[in-house]
Amino acid sequence: MKAAELQELSEQELRTKEMDFGKELFNLRFQHATGQLENTQRISQVKKNIARIKTVLRRNELEKGHE
C-alpha cells in the first residue's frame, strides 16, 4: 500500500486498515513461531504498512491543529 493511496482515505478507513493490518501481523507472527509461515517477507511489509498509516494519521492530526 502506498502513502499516496492512504492520504485519500478518511480517518475512519485508516483506523480500520490499521486494525486489520494489526490482526494480520499477529497471525503472521503466530504462523512464524509455529513454523507454518512460508513468506517471511510479508511480516516486514505489514509492519511498514502500519507505520505508513500511523504517519498519515499523525500528519492529518497536525494539519487539523494548524487550521
N, C-alpha and C. Protein backbone atom coordinates (compact mmCIF):
# COMPACT_ATOMS: atom_id res chain seq x y z
N MET A 1 0.85 -1.17 0.00
CA MET A 1 0.00 0.00 0.00
C MET A 1 0.90 1.23 0.00
N LYS A 2 0.59 2.18 -0.87
CA LYS A 2 1.41 3.38 -0.99
C LYS A 2 0.83 4.52 -0.16
N ALA A 3 1.70 5.43 0.24
CA ALA A 3 1.29 6.56 1.07
C ALA A 3 0.28 7.44 0.33
N ALA A 4 0.44 7.58 -0.98
CA ALA A 4 -0.50 8.40 -1.76
C ALA A 4 -1.91 7.82 -1.70
N GLU A 5 -2.00 6.51 -1.71
CA GLU A 5 -3.31 5.84 -1.62
C GLU A 5 -3.92 6.08 -0.24
N LEU A 6 -3.09 6.06 0.78
CA LEU A 6 -3.57 6.23 2.15
C LEU A 6 -4.07 7.65 2.41
N GLN A 7 -3.46 8.64 1.78
CA GLN A 7 -3.83 10.02 2.02
C GLN A 7 -5.24 10.32 1.52
N GLU A 8 -5.73 9.52 0.59
CA GLU A 8 -7.06 9.73 0.04
C GLU A 8 -8.16 9.16 0.93
N LEU A 9 -7.78 8.33 1.89
CA LEU A 9 -8.77 7.66 2.74
C LEU A 9 -9.17 8.55 3.92
N SER A 10 -10.36 8.30 4.43
CA SER A 10 -10.82 9.05 5.60
C SER A 10 -10.15 8.50 6.86
N GLU A 11 -10.29 9.22 7.96
CA GLU A 11 -9.67 8.80 9.21
C GLU A 11 -10.23 7.45 9.67
N GLN A 12 -11.52 7.27 9.53
CA GLN A 12 -12.15 6.01 9.94
C GLN A 12 -11.63 4.84 9.11
N GLU A 13 -11.48 5.05 7.80
CA GLU A 13 -10.97 3.99 6.94
C GLU A 13 -9.52 3.65 7.30
N LEU A 14 -8.74 4.68 7.63
CA LEU A 14 -7.36 4.45 8.02
C LEU A 14 -7.28 3.65 9.31
N ARG A 15 -8.12 4.01 10.28
CA ARG A 15 -8.12 3.28 11.56
C ARG A 15 -8.54 1.81 11.35
N THR A 16 -9.50 1.60 10.44
CA THR A 16 -9.94 0.23 10.15
C THR A 16 -8.81 -0.56 9.51
N LYS A 17 -8.12 0.04 8.56
CA LYS A 17 -6.99 -0.63 7.92
C LYS A 17 -5.87 -0.91 8.92
N GLU A 18 -5.62 0.02 9.82
CA GLU A 18 -4.59 -0.17 10.84
C GLU A 18 -4.94 -1.39 11.71
N MET A 19 -6.20 -1.49 12.08
CA MET A 19 -6.64 -2.61 12.90
C MET A 19 -6.52 -3.93 12.12
N ASP A 20 -6.90 -3.91 10.84
CA ASP A 20 -6.81 -5.11 10.01
C ASP A 20 -5.36 -5.57 9.85
N PHE A 21 -4.46 -4.62 9.59
CA PHE A 21 -3.05 -4.97 9.45
C PHE A 21 -2.49 -5.46 10.78
N GLY A 22 -2.96 -4.91 11.88
CA GLY A 22 -2.52 -5.38 13.19
C GLY A 22 -2.90 -6.82 13.43
N LYS A 23 -4.12 -7.18 13.05
CA LYS A 23 -4.57 -8.57 13.18
C LYS A 23 -3.76 -9.48 12.27
N GLU A 24 -3.50 -9.01 11.05
CA GLU A 24 -2.72 -9.81 10.11
C GLU A 24 -1.30 -10.02 10.64
N LEU A 25 -0.72 -8.98 11.22
CA LEU A 25 0.63 -9.09 11.77
C LEU A 25 0.66 -10.10 12.92
N PHE A 26 -0.35 -10.08 13.76
CA PHE A 26 -0.44 -11.05 14.86
C PHE A 26 -0.47 -12.47 14.30
N ASN A 27 -1.31 -12.68 13.29
CA ASN A 27 -1.43 -14.01 12.69
C ASN A 27 -0.12 -14.44 12.02
N LEU A 28 0.53 -13.50 11.33
CA LEU A 28 1.80 -13.84 10.69
C LEU A 28 2.86 -14.21 11.71
N ARG A 29 2.92 -13.46 12.82
CA ARG A 29 3.90 -13.79 13.87
C ARG A 29 3.61 -15.15 14.48
N PHE A 30 2.35 -15.45 14.65
CA PHE A 30 1.96 -16.74 15.20
C PHE A 30 2.37 -17.87 14.26
N GLN A 31 2.10 -17.68 12.96
CA GLN A 31 2.49 -18.69 11.97
C GLN A 31 4.01 -18.85 11.93
N HIS A 32 4.73 -17.74 12.04
CA HIS A 32 6.19 -17.79 12.02
C HIS A 32 6.73 -18.56 13.22
N ALA A 33 6.13 -18.34 14.37
CA ALA A 33 6.57 -19.02 15.59
C ALA A 33 6.32 -20.52 15.53
N THR A 34 5.26 -20.91 14.85
CA THR A 34 4.93 -22.34 14.76
C THR A 34 5.54 -22.99 13.53
N GLY A 35 6.29 -22.22 12.73
CA GLY A 35 6.96 -22.78 11.57
C GLY A 35 6.07 -22.98 10.36
N GLN A 36 4.93 -22.34 10.33
CA GLN A 36 3.99 -22.52 9.22
C GLN A 36 4.07 -21.41 8.17
N LEU A 37 4.85 -20.37 8.45
CA LEU A 37 4.90 -19.22 7.55
C LEU A 37 5.92 -19.47 6.44
N GLU A 38 5.46 -19.35 5.18
CA GLU A 38 6.35 -19.55 4.05
C GLU A 38 6.97 -18.23 3.58
N ASN A 39 6.17 -17.16 3.55
CA ASN A 39 6.64 -15.87 3.06
C ASN A 39 6.94 -14.96 4.26
N THR A 40 8.16 -15.04 4.76
CA THR A 40 8.51 -14.25 5.95
C THR A 40 8.64 -12.77 5.64
N GLN A 41 8.81 -12.41 4.38
CA GLN A 41 8.92 -11.00 3.99
C GLN A 41 7.60 -10.27 4.23
N ARG A 42 6.51 -10.98 4.26
CA ARG A 42 5.20 -10.35 4.46
C ARG A 42 5.13 -9.65 5.82
N ILE A 43 5.83 -10.16 6.82
CA ILE A 43 5.83 -9.53 8.15
C ILE A 43 6.35 -8.10 8.05
N SER A 44 7.47 -7.91 7.38
CA SER A 44 8.03 -6.56 7.27
C SER A 44 7.15 -5.66 6.40
N GLN A 45 6.50 -6.22 5.39
CA GLN A 45 5.59 -5.43 4.56
C GLN A 45 4.41 -4.91 5.38
N VAL A 46 3.86 -5.77 6.21
CA VAL A 46 2.71 -5.37 7.04
C VAL A 46 3.15 -4.33 8.07
N LYS A 47 4.33 -4.51 8.67
CA LYS A 47 4.82 -3.53 9.64
C LYS A 47 5.02 -2.16 8.99
N LYS A 48 5.52 -2.14 7.77
CA LYS A 48 5.70 -0.88 7.05
C LYS A 48 4.37 -0.24 6.71
N ASN A 49 3.38 -1.06 6.35
CA ASN A 49 2.05 -0.52 6.06
C ASN A 49 1.44 0.12 7.31
N ILE A 50 1.62 -0.51 8.45
CA ILE A 50 1.11 0.05 9.70
C ILE A 50 1.80 1.38 9.99
N ALA A 51 3.11 1.44 9.77
CA ALA A 51 3.86 2.67 10.01
C ALA A 51 3.39 3.78 9.07
N ARG A 52 3.13 3.44 7.81
CA ARG A 52 2.63 4.43 6.85
C ARG A 52 1.28 4.98 7.29
N ILE A 53 0.41 4.10 7.73
CA ILE A 53 -0.92 4.52 8.16
C ILE A 53 -0.80 5.45 9.36
N LYS A 54 0.04 5.09 10.33
CA LYS A 54 0.21 5.93 11.51
C LYS A 54 0.80 7.29 11.14
N THR A 55 1.69 7.31 10.17
CA THR A 55 2.28 8.57 9.72
C THR A 55 1.23 9.47 9.09
N VAL A 56 0.39 8.90 8.25
CA VAL A 56 -0.67 9.69 7.60
C VAL A 56 -1.66 10.19 8.64
N LEU A 57 -2.03 9.35 9.60
CA LEU A 57 -2.95 9.77 10.65
C LEU A 57 -2.37 10.92 11.46
N ARG A 58 -1.09 10.83 11.80
CA ARG A 58 -0.44 11.89 12.58
C ARG A 58 -0.34 13.18 11.77
N ARG A 59 -0.01 13.07 10.49
CA ARG A 59 0.08 14.24 9.63
C ARG A 59 -1.28 14.94 9.54
N ASN A 60 -2.34 14.14 9.39
CA ASN A 60 -3.69 14.71 9.33
C ASN A 60 -4.04 15.40 10.65
N GLU A 61 -3.65 14.78 11.75
CA GLU A 61 -3.93 15.35 13.08
C GLU A 61 -3.22 16.70 13.25
N LEU A 62 -1.99 16.78 12.81
CA LEU A 62 -1.22 18.02 12.93
C LEU A 62 -1.79 19.11 12.01
N GLU A 63 -2.25 18.73 10.83
CA GLU A 63 -2.83 19.70 9.91
C GLU A 63 -4.11 20.29 10.46
N LYS A 64 -4.89 19.47 11.15
CA LYS A 64 -6.14 19.97 11.76
C LYS A 64 -5.83 20.95 12.87
N GLY A 65 -4.74 20.76 13.57
CA GLY A 65 -4.36 21.64 14.66
C GLY A 65 -3.92 23.01 14.19
N HIS A 66 -3.42 23.09 12.97
CA HIS A 66 -2.94 24.36 12.43
C HIS A 66 -4.04 25.16 11.77
N GLU A 67 -5.18 24.60 11.60
CA GLU A 67 -6.27 25.33 10.93
C GLU A 67 -7.01 26.24 11.88
